Amino acid sequence: MPFAKQAEMNGPNKTRIHARISFFQPGMALLKAAILASQYWHAAISQRNAALLAHLQW
Protein backbone atom coordinates (compact mmCIF):
# COMPACT_ATOMS: atom_id res chain seq x y z
CA MET A 1 0.00 0.00 0.00
CA PRO A 2 1.50 3.36 -0.96
CA PHE A 3 -0.22 5.13 1.92
CA ALA A 4 1.51 2.94 4.50
CA LYS A 5 4.91 3.68 2.94
CA GLN A 6 4.11 7.39 2.90
CA ALA A 7 3.10 7.23 6.56
CA GLU A 8 6.38 5.52 7.44
CA MET A 9 8.33 8.21 5.60
CA ASN A 10 6.40 11.09 7.17
CA GLY A 11 6.46 9.67 10.68
CA PRO A 12 3.55 9.18 13.06
CA ASN A 13 3.17 12.85 14.03
CA LYS A 14 2.48 14.16 10.53
CA THR A 15 0.08 11.31 9.85
CA ARG A 16 -1.77 12.00 13.09
CA ILE A 17 -2.02 15.73 12.31
CA HIS A 18 -3.27 15.00 8.78
CA ALA A 19 -5.89 12.61 10.14
CA ARG A 20 -7.03 15.27 12.62
CA ILE A 21 -7.32 17.88 9.86
CA SER A 22 -9.22 15.57 7.53
CA PHE A 23 -11.60 14.77 10.41
CA PHE A 24 -11.95 18.45 11.34
CA GLN A 25 -12.96 19.78 7.91
CA PRO A 26 -16.24 17.84 7.48
CA GLY A 27 -17.10 18.74 11.07
CA MET A 28 -16.79 22.42 10.24
CA ALA A 29 -18.89 21.94 7.12
CA LEU A 30 -21.60 20.26 9.18
CA LEU A 31 -21.45 23.04 11.75
CA LYS A 32 -21.84 25.73 9.08
CA ALA A 33 -24.74 23.84 7.52
CA ALA A 34 -26.44 23.50 10.92
CA ILE A 35 -26.01 27.22 11.60
CA LEU A 36 -27.46 28.13 8.21
CA ALA A 37 -30.37 25.73 8.70
CA SER A 38 -31.15 27.13 12.16
CA GLN A 39 -31.02 30.71 10.84
CA TYR A 40 -33.41 29.78 8.03
CA TRP A 41 -35.68 27.94 10.50
CA HIS A 42 -35.80 30.92 12.89
CA ALA A 43 -36.54 33.30 10.01
CA ALA A 44 -39.39 31.08 8.81
CA ILE A 45 -40.85 30.81 12.32
CA SER A 46 -40.65 34.56 12.94
CA GLN A 47 -42.35 35.26 9.60
CA ARG A 48 -45.12 32.78 10.43
CA ASN A 49 -45.57 34.29 13.89
CA ALA A 50 -45.74 37.79 12.42
CA ALA A 51 -48.38 36.62 9.96
CA LEU A 52 -50.37 35.00 12.76
CA LEU A 53 -50.17 38.14 14.89
CA ALA A 54 -51.30 40.30 11.99
CA HIS A 55 -54.17 37.89 11.36
CA LEU A 56 -55.21 37.97 15.03
CA GLN A 57 -55.06 41.75 15.22
CA TRP A 58 -57.56 42.11 12.39
PDB file of N, CA and C in Angstrom:
ATOM      1  N   MET A   1       0.852  -1.198   0.000  1.00  0.00           N
ATOM      2  CA  MET A   1       0.000   0.000   0.000  1.00  0.00           C
ATOM      3  C   MET A   1       0.887   1.247   0.000  1.00  0.00           C
ATOM      4  N   PRO A   2       0.659   2.158  -0.924  1.00  0.00           N
ATOM      5  CA  PRO A   2       1.502   3.361  -0.957  1.00  0.00           C
ATOM      6  C   PRO A   2       1.265   4.273   0.237  1.00  0.00           C
ATOM      7  N   PHE A   3       0.060   4.243   0.790  1.00  0.00           N
ATOM      8  CA  PHE A   3      -0.221   5.132   1.923  1.00  0.00           C
ATOM      9  C   PHE A   3       0.585   4.718   3.147  1.00  0.00           C
ATOM     10  N   ALA A   4       0.743   3.415   3.349  1.00  0.00           N
ATOM     11  CA  ALA A   4       1.506   2.941   4.497  1.00  0.00           C
ATOM     12  C   ALA A   4       2.967   3.359   4.364  1.00  0.00           C
ATOM     13  N   LYS A   5       3.526   3.249   3.146  1.00  0.00           N
ATOM     14  CA  LYS A   5       4.906   3.676   2.936  1.00  0.00           C
ATOM     15  C   LYS A   5       5.036   5.177   3.177  1.00  0.00           C
ATOM     16  N   GLN A   6       4.069   5.935   2.707  1.00  0.00           N
ATOM     17  CA  GLN A   6       4.111   7.394   2.902  1.00  0.00           C
ATOM     18  C   GLN A   6       4.033   7.727   4.392  1.00  0.00           C
ATOM     19  N   ALA A   7       3.224   6.985   5.130  1.00  0.00           N
ATOM     20  CA  ALA A   7       3.099   7.228   6.558  1.00  0.00           C
ATOM     21  C   ALA A   7       4.409   6.918   7.265  1.00  0.00           C
ATOM     22  N   GLU A   8       5.106   5.849   6.836  1.00  0.00           N
ATOM     23  CA  GLU A   8       6.384   5.524   7.444  1.00  0.00           C
ATOM     24  C   GLU A   8       7.403   6.620   7.160  1.00  0.00           C
ATOM     25  N   MET A   9       7.378   7.163   5.952  1.00  0.00           N
ATOM     26  CA  MET A   9       8.332   8.212   5.604  1.00  0.00           C
ATOM     27  C   MET A   9       8.027   9.499   6.368  1.00  0.00           C
ATOM     28  N   ASN A  10       6.766   9.842   6.511  1.00  0.00           N
ATOM     29  CA  ASN A  10       6.397  11.087   7.173  1.00  0.00           C
ATOM     30  C   ASN A  10       6.575  10.992   8.684  1.00  0.00           C
ATOM     31  N   GLY A  11       6.407   9.818   9.227  1.00  0.00           N
ATOM     32  CA  GLY A  11       6.457   9.672  10.678  1.00  0.00           C
ATOM     33  C   GLY A  11       5.058   9.734  11.258  1.00  0.00           C
ATOM     34  N   PRO A  12       4.894   9.271  12.478  1.00  0.00           N
ATOM     35  CA  PRO A  12       3.548   9.184  13.063  1.00  0.00           C
ATOM     36  C   PRO A  12       2.921  10.550  13.346  1.00  0.00           C
ATOM     37  N   ASN A  13       3.753  11.552  13.656  1.00  0.00           N
ATOM     38  CA  ASN A  13       3.174  12.849  14.026  1.00  0.00           C
ATOM     39  C   ASN A  13       2.468  13.502  12.848  1.00  0.00           C
ATOM     40  N   LYS A  14       3.111  13.515  11.683  1.00  0.00           N
ATOM     41  CA  LYS A  14       2.484  14.156  10.527  1.00  0.00           C
ATOM     42  C   LYS A  14       1.220  13.401  10.124  1.00  0.00           C
ATOM     43  N   THR A  15       1.261  12.088  10.211  1.00  0.00           N
ATOM     44  CA  THR A  15       0.083  11.308   9.852  1.00  0.00           C
ATOM     45  C   THR A  15      -1.057  11.609  10.816  1.00  0.00           C
ATOM     46  N   ARG A  16      -0.737  11.731  12.091  1.00  0.00           N
ATOM     47  CA  ARG A  16      -1.774  12.001  13.091  1.00  0.00           C
ATOM     48  C   ARG A  16      -2.366  13.389  12.856  1.00  0.00           C
ATOM     49  N   ILE A  17      -1.517  14.373  12.550  1.00  0.00           N
ATOM     50  CA  ILE A  17      -2.020  15.725  12.305  1.00  0.00           C
ATOM     51  C   ILE A  17      -2.905  15.745  11.067  1.00  0.00           C
ATOM     52  N   HIS A  18      -2.477  15.037  10.017  1.00  0.00           N
ATOM     53  CA  HIS A  18      -3.270  14.997   8.778  1.00  0.00           C
ATOM     54  C   HIS A  18      -4.629  14.338   9.034  1.00  0.00           C
ATOM     55  N   ALA A  19      -4.626  13.280   9.836  1.00  0.00           N
ATOM     56  CA  ALA A  19      -5.889  12.615  10.143  1.00  0.00           C
ATOM     57  C   ALA A  19      -6.797  13.554  10.931  1.00  0.00           C
ATOM     58  N   ARG A  20      -6.220  14.335  11.833  1.00  0.00           N
ATOM     59  CA  ARG A  20      -7.025  15.267  12.621  1.00  0.00           C
ATOM     60  C   ARG A  20      -7.615  16.347  11.724  1.00  0.00           C
ATOM     61  N   ILE A  21      -6.814  16.850  10.766  1.00  0.00           N
ATOM     62  CA  ILE A  21      -7.316  17.885   9.857  1.00  0.00           C
ATOM     63  C   ILE A  21      -8.425  17.332   8.973  1.00  0.00           C
ATOM     64  N   SER A  22      -8.209  16.131   8.430  1.00  0.00           N
ATOM     65  CA  SER A  22      -9.220  15.571   7.532  1.00  0.00           C
ATOM     66  C   SER A  22     -10.500  15.233   8.294  1.00  0.00           C
ATOM     67  N   PHE A  23     -10.395  14.986   9.602  1.00  0.00           N
ATOM     68  CA  PHE A  23     -11.602  14.773  10.408  1.00  0.00           C
ATOM     69  C   PHE A  23     -12.256  16.105  10.755  1.00  0.00           C
ATOM     70  N   PHE A  24     -11.452  17.156  10.882  1.00  0.00           N
ATOM     71  CA  PHE A  24     -11.949  18.448  11.343  1.00  0.00           C
ATOM     72  C   PHE A  24     -12.749  19.161  10.252  1.00  0.00           C
ATOM     73  N   GLN A  25     -12.310  19.024   8.983  1.00  0.00           N
ATOM     74  CA  GLN A  25     -12.957  19.775   7.906  1.00  0.00           C
ATOM     75  C   GLN A  25     -14.432  19.416   7.713  1.00  0.00           C
ATOM     76  N   PRO A  26     -14.807  18.127   7.621  1.00  0.00           N
ATOM     77  CA  PRO A  26     -16.244  17.841   7.478  1.00  0.00           C
ATOM     78  C   PRO A  26     -17.041  18.261   8.703  1.00  0.00           C
ATOM     79  N   GLY A  27     -16.415  18.260   9.873  1.00  0.00           N
ATOM     80  CA  GLY A  27     -17.096  18.740  11.069  1.00  0.00           C
ATOM     81  C   GLY A  27     -17.455  20.211  10.960  1.00  0.00           C
ATOM     82  N   MET A  28     -16.517  21.000  10.430  1.00  0.00           N
ATOM     83  CA  MET A  28     -16.791  22.418  10.240  1.00  0.00           C
ATOM     84  C   MET A  28     -17.879  22.627   9.197  1.00  0.00           C
ATOM     85  N   ALA A  29     -17.857  21.821   8.146  1.00  0.00           N
ATOM     86  CA  ALA A  29     -18.893  21.943   7.116  1.00  0.00           C
ATOM     87  C   ALA A  29     -20.269  21.627   7.699  1.00  0.00           C
ATOM     88  N   LEU A  30     -20.334  20.591   8.537  1.00  0.00           N
ATOM     89  CA  LEU A  30     -21.605  20.255   9.179  1.00  0.00           C
ATOM     90  C   LEU A  30     -22.058  21.368  10.108  1.00  0.00           C
ATOM     91  N   LEU A  31     -21.107  21.960  10.830  1.00  0.00           N
ATOM     92  CA  LEU A  31     -21.451  23.036  11.755  1.00  0.00           C
ATOM     93  C   LEU A  31     -22.013  24.240  10.995  1.00  0.00           C
ATOM     94  N   LYS A  32     -21.343  24.608   9.880  1.00  0.00           N
ATOM     95  CA  LYS A  32     -21.842  25.731   9.083  1.00  0.00           C
ATOM     96  C   LYS A  32     -23.229  25.432   8.527  1.00  0.00           C
ATOM     97  N   ALA A  33     -23.436  24.200   8.063  1.00  0.00           N
ATOM     98  CA  ALA A  33     -24.745  23.838   7.522  1.00  0.00           C
ATOM     99  C   ALA A  33     -25.810  23.898   8.613  1.00  0.00           C
ATOM    100  N   ALA A  34     -25.475  23.463   9.820  1.00  0.00           N
ATOM    101  CA  ALA A  34     -26.435  23.503  10.924  1.00  0.00           C
ATOM    102  C   ALA A  34     -26.772  24.940  11.294  1.00  0.00           C
ATOM    103  N   ILE A  35     -25.764  25.819  11.279  1.00  0.00           N
ATOM    104  CA  ILE A  35     -26.009  27.224  11.604  1.00  0.00           C
ATOM    105  C   ILE A  35     -26.914  27.861  10.555  1.00  0.00           C
ATOM    106  N   LEU A  36     -26.620  27.584   9.272  1.00  0.00           N
ATOM    107  CA  LEU A  36     -27.460  28.133   8.208  1.00  0.00           C
ATOM    108  C   LEU A  36     -28.888  27.609   8.313  1.00  0.00           C
ATOM    109  N   ALA A  37     -29.028  26.316   8.600  1.00  0.00           N
ATOM    110  CA  ALA A  37     -30.368  25.732   8.700  1.00  0.00           C
ATOM    111  C   ALA A  37     -31.126  26.350   9.868  1.00  0.00           C
ATOM    112  N   SER A  38     -30.449  26.560  11.010  1.00  0.00           N
ATOM    113  CA  SER A  38     -31.147  27.129  12.162  1.00  0.00           C
ATOM    114  C   SER A  38     -31.534  28.583  11.889  1.00  0.00           C
ATOM    115  N   GLN A  39     -30.662  29.335  11.180  1.00  0.00           N
ATOM    116  CA  GLN A  39     -31.019  30.714  10.841  1.00  0.00           C
ATOM    117  C   GLN A  39     -32.248  30.736   9.930  1.00  0.00           C
ATOM    118  N   TYR A  40     -32.266  29.844   8.944  1.00  0.00           N
ATOM    119  CA  TYR A  40     -33.410  29.781   8.033  1.00  0.00           C
ATOM    120  C   TYR A  40     -34.677  29.395   8.796  1.00  0.00           C
ATOM    121  N   TRP A  41     -34.544  28.416   9.722  1.00  0.00           N
ATOM    122  CA  TRP A  41     -35.678  27.942  10.505  1.00  0.00           C
ATOM    123  C   TRP A  41     -36.237  29.066  11.373  1.00  0.00           C
ATOM    124  N   HIS A  42     -35.336  29.834  12.033  1.00  0.00           N
ATOM    125  CA  HIS A  42     -35.801  30.922  12.886  1.00  0.00           C
ATOM    126  C   HIS A  42     -36.470  32.008  12.057  1.00  0.00           C
ATOM    127  N   ALA A  43     -35.925  32.288  10.870  1.00  0.00           N
ATOM    128  CA  ALA A  43     -36.541  33.301  10.009  1.00  0.00           C
ATOM    129  C   ALA A  43     -37.940  32.857   9.580  1.00  0.00           C
ATOM    130  N   ALA A  44     -38.084  31.583   9.231  1.00  0.00           N
ATOM    131  CA  ALA A  44     -39.390  31.083   8.805  1.00  0.00           C
ATOM    132  C   ALA A  44     -40.388  31.141   9.959  1.00  0.00           C
ATOM    133  N   ILE A  45     -39.952  30.788  11.160  1.00  0.00           N
ATOM    134  CA  ILE A  45     -40.854  30.807  12.317  1.00  0.00           C
ATOM    135  C   ILE A  45     -41.264  32.242  12.641  1.00  0.00           C
ATOM    136  N   SER A  46     -40.305  33.178  12.601  1.00  0.00           N
ATOM    137  CA  SER A  46     -40.655  34.557  12.940  1.00  0.00           C
ATOM    138  C   SER A  46     -41.599  35.146  11.897  1.00  0.00           C
ATOM    139  N   GLN A  47     -41.423  34.787  10.619  1.00  0.00           N
ATOM    140  CA  GLN A  47     -42.352  35.261   9.596  1.00  0.00           C
ATOM    141  C   GLN A  47     -43.747  34.695   9.825  1.00  0.00           C
ATOM    142  N   ARG A  48     -43.810  33.391  10.190  1.00  0.00           N
ATOM    143  CA  ARG A  48     -45.118  32.779  10.426  1.00  0.00           C
ATOM    144  C   ARG A  48     -45.785  33.415  11.641  1.00  0.00           C
ATOM    145  N   ASN A  49     -44.995  33.674  12.697  1.00  0.00           N
ATOM    146  CA  ASN A  49     -45.571  34.289  13.891  1.00  0.00           C
ATOM    147  C   ASN A  49     -46.061  35.702  13.592  1.00  0.00           C
ATOM    148  N   ALA A  50     -45.311  36.442  12.786  1.00  0.00           N
ATOM    149  CA  ALA A  50     -45.745  37.794  12.422  1.00  0.00           C
ATOM    150  C   ALA A  50     -47.045  37.733  11.624  1.00  0.00           C
ATOM    151  N   ALA A  51     -47.149  36.760  10.738  1.00  0.00           N
ATOM    152  CA  ALA A  51     -48.380  36.624   9.957  1.00  0.00           C
ATOM    153  C   ALA A  51     -49.551  36.256  10.863  1.00  0.00           C
ATOM    154  N   LEU A  52     -49.308  35.379  11.831  1.00  0.00           N
ATOM    155  CA  LEU A  52     -50.368  35.000  12.760  1.00  0.00           C
ATOM    156  C   LEU A  52     -50.802  36.187  13.611  1.00  0.00           C
ATOM    157  N   LEU A  53     -49.826  36.969  14.080  1.00  0.00           N
ATOM    158  CA  LEU A  53     -50.169  38.136  14.894  1.00  0.00           C
ATOM    159  C   LEU A  53     -50.969  39.149  14.077  1.00  0.00           C
ATOM    160  N   ALA A  54     -50.569  39.368  12.844  1.00  0.00           N
ATOM    161  CA  ALA A  54     -51.302  40.304  11.986  1.00  0.00           C
ATOM    162  C   ALA A  54     -52.714  39.783  11.741  1.00  0.00           C
ATOM    163  N   HIS A  55     -52.849  38.480  11.584  1.00  0.00           N
ATOM    164  CA  HIS A  55     -54.170  37.890  11.363  1.00  0.00           C
ATOM    165  C   HIS A  55     -55.039  38.042  12.609  1.00  0.00           C
ATOM    166  N   LEU A  56     -54.436  37.865  13.789  1.00  0.00           N
ATOM    167  CA  LEU A  56     -55.208  37.966  15.026  1.00  0.00           C
ATOM    168  C   LEU A  56     -55.602  39.410  15.318  1.00  0.00           C
ATOM    169  N   GLN A  57     -54.755  40.355  14.926  1.00  0.00           N
ATOM    170  CA  GLN A  57     -55.057  41.751  15.217  1.00  0.00           C
ATOM    171  C   GLN A  57     -56.249  42.233  14.397  1.00  0.00           C
ATOM    172  N   TRP A  58     -56.410  41.686  13.173  1.00  0.00           N
ATOM    173  CA  TRP A  58     -57.561  42.108  12.394  1.00  0.00           C
ATOM    174  C   TRP A  58     -58.780  41.508  13.031  1.00  0.00           C
TER     175      TRP A  58
END
